[in-house]
Amino acid sequence: MNPYATLGVDRHADADTIRKAYKSLAKKFHPDINKDPKAEGRFKEVNAAYEAIGDPEARKLFDEFGEASTKPGFQPEEARRWRQASSARPGAAGFDFTGGGVDMEEMLGSLFGAGLGGGPPRPRRGADRQAELSLDFLTAVMGAEQELQLRRADGGVESIKVRIPAGAKDGGRLKLKGHGLPPRGGGAAGDLHITLHIQPHPLLRRIDDDLELDIPLTIEEAVCGATILVPTPTGDVRVTIPAGAANGQRLRLKGRGVQRSTPGDLYLVLRPTVPQTQDPELREAAQRLTRGYTEEVRSQLRL
């Protein structure tokens, strides 16, 4: 995986450029918006790329070690020691973690196996475990504690409490140290790597840390303006709808989006809605409302 290529940015791009590229692609391929069967796969690739280089610390590791840094359980200090020991071997040509000169299996095996450089072996470490956890949309937005049920080797069930951070993404990974398998003969247990699956919401759409919500309006509310009660992830809010509200017009509620340390925003997308009725009085009122206005509304319709 080359996250720079996936996001379409230069390797030396600044953080703001990377973030803008991610937001643009996430919106383009979001499964709730793009109905192409391949869109969901591309959406997950874009998220994985942003996970790799969107965070400054993660980006430093990727630039130093390449794709190896995205592997579950990757330990940079171990990788540096492995690289140093490998380069010190007689006849060793050195290793480039970002290129093709590394045997990944050998490297990862060395990182999680015996000690380096021929010294005394370190205590054995147990194997890692993999698990998947399905979350509802608002849990990912707000963050919460979830319970994960895991099958033990003896056939029993182990219950583990998992803290889900606000802003968790579909396909994102969490690591719980020491919740993997214990090694034979004693030693530290491995880690548990959890892949998250976020369920879509019937009303809310997510773009990075921002959310979108369609707000149906009556014709009167759209024409005259109104104050209405709107649900948000952090509670109901009274919102003033401006007179003459147009279809697709957006209103921003600051800080009502994904609840990270710096919360995202919630955008209300206004949707004036025509009543589904053939009431004669309503038809007469509509005719009075639009009399002399029909030509004006399509005045810019030119090919």
Protein backbone atom coordinates (compact mmCIF):
# COMPACT_ATOMS: atom_id res chain seq x y z
CA MET A 1 0.00 0.00 0.00
CA ASN A 2 1.23 3.48 -0.89
CA PRO A 3 -1.01 5.90 1.06
CA TYR A 4 0.42 8.93 -0.75
CA ALA A 5 -0.62 7.47 -4.11
CA THR A 6 -4.01 6.40 -2.73
CA LEU A 7 -4.73 9.96 -1.57
CA GLY A 8 -3.17 11.47 -4.70
CA VAL A 9 -0.68 13.67 -2.83
CA ASP A 10 3.06 14.21 -3.06
CA ARG A 11 5.27 12.48 -0.49
CA HIS A 12 6.30 15.92 0.79
CA ALA A 13 2.74 17.28 1.04
CA ASP A 14 1.89 19.14 4.24
CA ALA A 15 -0.72 17.90 6.74
CA ASP A 16 -3.40 20.31 5.50
CA THR A 17 -3.04 19.10 1.90
CA ILE A 18 -3.31 15.47 3.03
CA ARG A 19 -6.39 16.22 5.12
CA LYS A 20 -8.13 18.06 2.27
CA ALA A 21 -7.36 15.23 -0.16
CA TYR A 22 -8.75 12.71 2.29
CA LYS A 23 -11.97 14.67 2.89
CA SER A 24 -12.53 15.07 -0.85
CA LEU A 25 -12.01 11.36 -1.59
CA ALA A 26 -13.97 10.20 1.46
CA LYS A 27 -16.93 12.26 0.31
CA LYS A 28 -16.57 11.04 -3.28
CA PHE A 29 -16.50 7.33 -2.39
CA HIS A 30 -18.72 7.31 0.72
CA PRO A 31 -21.10 4.33 0.28
CA ASP A 32 -24.07 6.45 1.39
CA ILE A 33 -23.40 8.86 -1.48
CA ASN A 34 -21.68 6.81 -4.19
CA LYS A 35 -23.73 3.78 -5.25
CA ASP A 36 -20.98 2.29 -7.44
CA PRO A 37 -20.32 -1.29 -6.16
CA LYS A 38 -16.59 -0.53 -6.04
CA ALA A 39 -17.04 2.67 -4.00
CA GLU A 40 -17.03 0.95 -0.61
CA GLY A 41 -13.70 -0.73 -1.34
CA ARG A 42 -12.15 2.56 -2.44
CA PHE A 43 -13.63 4.27 0.65
CA LYS A 44 -11.88 1.73 2.90
CA GLU A 45 -8.60 2.17 1.00
CA VAL A 46 -8.81 5.94 1.45
CA ASN A 47 -9.47 5.52 5.19
CA ALA A 48 -6.55 3.10 5.56
CA ALA A 49 -4.27 5.52 3.72
CA TYR A 50 -5.30 8.38 6.00
CA GLU A 51 -4.76 6.17 9.06
CA ALA A 52 -1.19 5.59 7.82
CA ILE A 53 -0.17 9.22 7.15
CA GLY A 54 -2.95 11.48 8.49
CA ASP A 55 -1.50 11.46 12.00
CA PRO A 56 1.97 13.07 12.24
CA GLU A 57 3.45 10.28 14.37
CA ALA A 58 2.00 7.52 12.18
CA ARG A 59 3.33 9.33 9.11
CA LYS A 60 6.85 9.50 10.56
CA LEU A 61 6.78 5.75 11.11
CA PHE A 62 5.48 5.07 7.61
CA ASP A 63 8.16 7.30 6.06
CA GLU A 64 10.81 5.43 8.05
CA PHE A 65 9.58 1.84 7.76
CA GLY A 66 7.04 1.79 4.94
CA GLU A 67 4.10 -0.60 5.00
CA ALA A 68 5.64 -2.60 7.86
CA SER A 69 4.64 0.24 10.22
CA THR A 70 0.93 -0.39 9.50
CA LYS A 71 1.07 -4.03 10.59
CA PRO A 72 -0.75 -4.88 13.84
CA GLY A 73 1.68 -5.01 16.76
CA PHE A 74 4.50 -3.19 14.93
CA GLN A 75 7.18 -1.97 17.37
CA PRO A 76 9.46 0.74 15.94
CA GLU A 77 12.26 0.36 18.51
CA GLU A 78 12.42 -3.36 17.80
CA ALA A 79 12.51 -2.61 14.07
CA ARG A 80 15.39 -0.17 14.51
CA ARG A 81 17.37 -2.72 16.52
CA TRP A 82 16.66 -5.38 13.89
CA ARG A 83 17.83 -3.06 11.13
CA GLN A 84 20.98 -2.15 13.02
CA ALA A 85 21.78 -5.79 13.76
CA SER A 86 21.10 -6.82 10.16
CA SER A 87 23.37 -4.09 8.79
CA ALA A 88 26.15 -5.13 11.15
CA ARG A 89 26.28 -8.70 9.84
CA PRO A 90 29.35 -9.51 7.71
CA GLY A 91 28.55 -8.83 4.07
CA ALA A 92 25.20 -7.22 4.84
CA ALA A 93 24.21 -4.59 2.31
CA GLY A 94 21.78 -2.79 4.60
CA PHE A 95 18.01 -2.73 4.42
CA ASP A 96 15.55 -0.17 3.14
CA PHE A 97 12.22 -0.53 4.98
CA THR A 98 10.39 1.65 2.45
CA GLY A 99 11.64 -0.18 -0.64
CA GLY A 100 11.76 -3.73 -1.88
CA GLY A 101 15.03 -4.85 -0.22
CA VAL A 102 13.42 -6.29 2.90
CA ASP A 103 12.00 -9.71 3.46
CA MET A 104 8.93 -8.68 5.44
CA GLU A 105 8.30 -12.13 6.84
CA GLU A 106 11.87 -12.33 8.09
CA MET A 107 11.72 -8.87 9.58
CA LEU A 108 8.38 -9.33 11.33
CA GLY A 109 9.43 -12.74 12.53
CA SER A 110 12.59 -11.23 13.99
CA LEU A 111 10.64 -8.42 15.64
CA PHE A 112 8.38 -10.79 17.50
CA GLY A 113 10.75 -13.70 17.98
CA ALA A 114 14.04 -14.22 19.82
CA GLY A 115 16.51 -11.51 20.76
CA LEU A 116 18.81 -9.87 18.22
CA GLY A 117 22.52 -10.02 17.68
CA GLY A 118 23.14 -13.43 19.25
CA GLY A 119 22.64 -12.18 22.83
CA PRO A 120 20.74 -14.07 25.50
CA PRO A 121 17.21 -14.87 24.38
CA ARG A 122 14.48 -12.70 25.79
CA PRO A 123 11.42 -14.22 27.51
CA ARG A 124 9.07 -15.65 24.93
CA ARG A 125 5.99 -13.67 23.99
CA GLY A 126 2.66 -15.24 23.17
CA ALA A 127 0.94 -14.97 19.81
CA ASP A 128 -1.36 -12.09 18.95
CA ARG A 129 -5.07 -12.62 18.47
CA GLN A 130 -7.37 -11.03 15.90
CA ALA A 131 -11.00 -10.07 16.45
CA GLU A 132 -13.72 -8.02 14.79
CA LEU A 133 -16.22 -5.71 16.47
CA SER A 134 -19.34 -4.22 14.91
CA LEU A 135 -20.38 -0.76 16.16
CA ASP A 136 -23.41 1.41 15.59
CA PHE A 137 -22.78 4.77 13.95
CA LEU A 138 -23.32 6.95 17.04
CA THR A 139 -20.94 4.87 19.16
CA ALA A 140 -18.20 5.68 16.64
CA VAL A 141 -19.20 9.36 16.71
CA MET A 142 -19.40 9.74 20.48
CA GLY A 143 -17.05 7.04 21.77
CA ALA A 144 -18.14 4.47 24.35
CA GLU A 145 -17.20 1.30 26.15
CA GLN A 146 -18.19 -1.92 24.41
CA GLU A 147 -18.06 -5.54 25.52
CA LEU A 148 -16.32 -8.05 23.24
CA GLN A 149 -16.97 -11.79 23.57
CA LEU A 150 -14.04 -14.04 22.63
CA ARG A 151 -13.96 -17.82 22.42
CA ARG A 152 -11.24 -19.37 24.58
CA ALA A 153 -9.17 -22.41 23.64
CA ASP A 154 -11.02 -24.48 26.27
CA GLY A 155 -14.36 -23.70 24.62
CA GLY A 156 -15.39 -21.09 27.17
CA VAL A 157 -16.17 -17.44 26.50
CA GLU A 158 -14.03 -14.52 27.63
CA SER A 159 -15.61 -11.09 28.01
CA ILE A 160 -13.36 -8.06 27.43
CA LYS A 161 -14.33 -4.41 27.82
CA VAL A 162 -13.07 -2.28 24.94
CA ARG A 163 -12.90 1.50 25.04
CA ILE A 164 -13.98 2.87 21.65
CA PRO A 165 -12.49 6.33 21.02
CA ALA A 166 -14.69 9.03 19.53
CA GLY A 167 -13.96 9.23 15.81
CA ALA A 168 -13.38 5.50 15.28
CA LYS A 169 -13.51 4.68 11.57
CA ASP A 170 -14.76 1.73 9.58
CA GLY A 171 -11.83 -0.62 9.09
CA GLY A 172 -9.87 1.05 11.89
CA ARG A 173 -7.89 -1.06 14.36
CA LEU A 174 -7.48 -1.08 18.13
CA LYS A 175 -4.75 -2.90 20.07
CA LEU A 176 -5.22 -4.27 23.58
CA LYS A 177 -1.83 -5.17 25.01
CA GLY A 178 -1.58 -8.44 26.88
CA HIS A 179 -4.95 -9.78 25.72
CA GLY A 180 -3.45 -12.18 23.18
CA LEU A 181 -2.40 -15.79 23.76
CA PRO A 182 0.11 -16.80 26.46
CA PRO A 183 3.23 -18.66 25.27
CA ARG A 184 3.91 -22.24 26.23
CA GLY A 185 6.16 -22.47 29.22
CA GLY A 186 5.24 -19.06 30.57
CA GLY A 187 5.92 -15.49 29.52
CA ALA A 188 4.02 -12.41 28.45
CA ALA A 189 0.81 -12.83 26.49
CA GLY A 190 0.55 -11.36 23.01
CA ASP A 191 -1.79 -8.56 22.04
CA LEU A 192 -5.36 -8.46 20.79
CA HIS A 193 -5.91 -6.61 17.51
CA ILE A 194 -9.51 -5.55 16.89
CA THR A 195 -10.82 -4.49 13.49
CA LEU A 196 -13.82 -2.16 13.72
CA HIS A 197 -16.87 -2.25 11.45
CA ILE A 198 -19.13 0.82 11.62
CA GLN A 199 -22.77 0.40 10.66
CA PRO A 200 -24.29 3.17 8.50
CA HIS A 201 -26.86 5.53 10.02
CA PRO A 202 -30.26 5.95 8.35
CA LEU A 203 -30.08 9.76 8.60
CA LEU A 204 -26.53 10.90 9.34
CA ARG A 205 -23.62 10.95 6.88
CA ARG A 206 -19.99 11.28 7.99
CA ILE A 207 -17.20 13.11 6.17
CA ASP A 208 -14.00 13.02 8.23
CA ASP A 209 -15.03 14.54 11.59
CA ASP A 210 -18.06 16.39 10.19
CA LEU A 211 -21.62 15.08 9.89
CA GLU A 212 -24.49 15.89 7.52
CA LEU A 213 -28.20 15.64 8.27
CA ASP A 214 -31.07 16.33 5.84
CA ILE A 215 -33.77 18.54 7.40
CA PRO A 216 -37.23 18.38 5.77
CA LEU A 217 -39.08 21.73 5.80
CA THR A 218 -42.66 22.65 5.09
CA ILE A 219 -43.27 25.15 2.30
CA GLU A 220 -44.27 27.75 4.88
CA GLU A 221 -41.05 27.22 6.87
CA ALA A 222 -38.95 27.51 3.72
CA VAL A 223 -40.72 30.65 2.46
CA CYS A 224 -41.29 32.52 5.73
CA GLY A 225 -38.51 31.15 7.94
CA ALA A 226 -39.02 29.39 11.26
CA THR A 227 -37.41 28.14 14.45
CA ILE A 228 -37.40 24.34 14.63
CA LEU A 229 -36.07 21.65 16.97
CA VAL A 230 -33.30 19.52 15.42
CA PRO A 231 -31.79 16.30 16.85
CA THR A 232 -27.99 16.11 17.07
CA PRO A 233 -25.64 13.45 18.50
CA THR A 234 -25.14 15.64 21.59
CA GLY A 235 -28.79 16.60 22.14
CA ASP A 236 -31.65 18.53 20.56
CA VAL A 237 -30.96 22.10 19.38
CA ARG A 238 -33.30 24.92 18.32
CA VAL A 239 -32.28 26.25 14.92
CA THR A 240 -33.47 29.35 13.05
CA ILE A 241 -34.34 28.63 9.42
CA PRO A 242 -33.89 31.77 7.28
CA ALA A 243 -36.77 32.99 5.11
CA GLY A 244 -36.45 31.88 1.50
CA ALA A 245 -34.50 28.71 2.39
CA ALA A 246 -33.38 26.91 -0.77
CA ASN A 247 -33.17 23.17 -1.34
CA GLY A 248 -29.65 21.98 -0.48
CA GLN A 249 -28.79 25.09 1.56
CA ARG A 250 -26.50 24.17 4.47
CA LEU A 251 -26.47 25.47 8.04
CA ARG A 252 -23.52 24.68 10.32
CA LEU A 253 -23.83 23.67 13.96
CA LYS A 254 -20.30 24.06 15.30
CA GLY A 255 -18.95 21.28 17.51
CA ARG A 256 -21.96 18.98 17.02
CA GLY A 257 -20.14 16.49 14.80
CA VAL A 258 -17.70 13.70 15.75
CA GLN A 259 -16.76 14.27 19.38
CA ARG A 260 -12.96 14.15 19.27
CA SER A 261 -10.87 16.42 21.51
CA THR A 262 -11.58 19.06 18.86
CA PRO A 263 -15.13 18.19 17.77
CA GLY A 264 -16.25 18.29 14.16
CA ASP A 265 -19.33 20.16 12.94
CA LEU A 266 -22.84 19.10 12.01
CA TYR A 267 -24.19 20.46 8.71
CA LEU A 268 -27.95 20.69 8.30
CA VAL A 269 -28.97 20.29 4.64
CA LEU A 270 -32.31 22.02 4.12
CA ARG A 271 -34.91 20.09 2.10
CA PRO A 272 -38.18 22.00 1.46
CA THR A 273 -40.77 19.27 0.97
CA VAL A 274 -43.97 19.39 -1.08
CA PRO A 275 -46.93 17.69 0.66
CA GLN A 276 -48.03 14.44 -0.99
CA THR A 277 -51.71 15.37 -1.40
CA GLN A 278 -54.21 16.39 -4.07
CA ASP A 279 -56.21 18.63 -1.73
CA PRO A 280 -57.95 21.27 -3.96
CA GLU A 281 -57.33 24.04 -1.41
CA LEU A 282 -53.62 23.25 -1.39
CA ARG A 283 -53.50 23.29 -5.21
CA GLU A 284 -55.28 26.65 -5.27
CA ALA A 285 -52.86 28.06 -2.68
CA ALA A 286 -49.89 26.81 -4.73
CA GLN A 287 -51.27 28.47 -7.84
CA ARG A 288 -51.66 31.79 -6.00
CA LEU A 289 -48.16 31.47 -4.58
CA THR A 290 -46.50 30.88 -7.96
CA ARG A 291 -48.67 33.19 -10.12
CA GLY A 292 -46.30 35.34 -12.16
CA TYR A 293 -43.28 33.45 -10.81
CA THR A 294 -43.11 30.45 -13.15
CA GLU A 295 -40.96 32.18 -15.78
CA GLU A 296 -38.60 33.69 -13.19
CA VAL A 297 -37.78 30.37 -11.57
CA ARG A 298 -36.42 29.00 -14.87
CA SER A 299 -34.92 32.22 -16.18
CA GLN A 300 -31.37 30.84 -16.00
CA LEU A 301 -32.22 27.53 -17.65
CA ARG A 302 -30.17 27.81 -20.83
CA LEU A 303 -28.07 25.22 -22.67
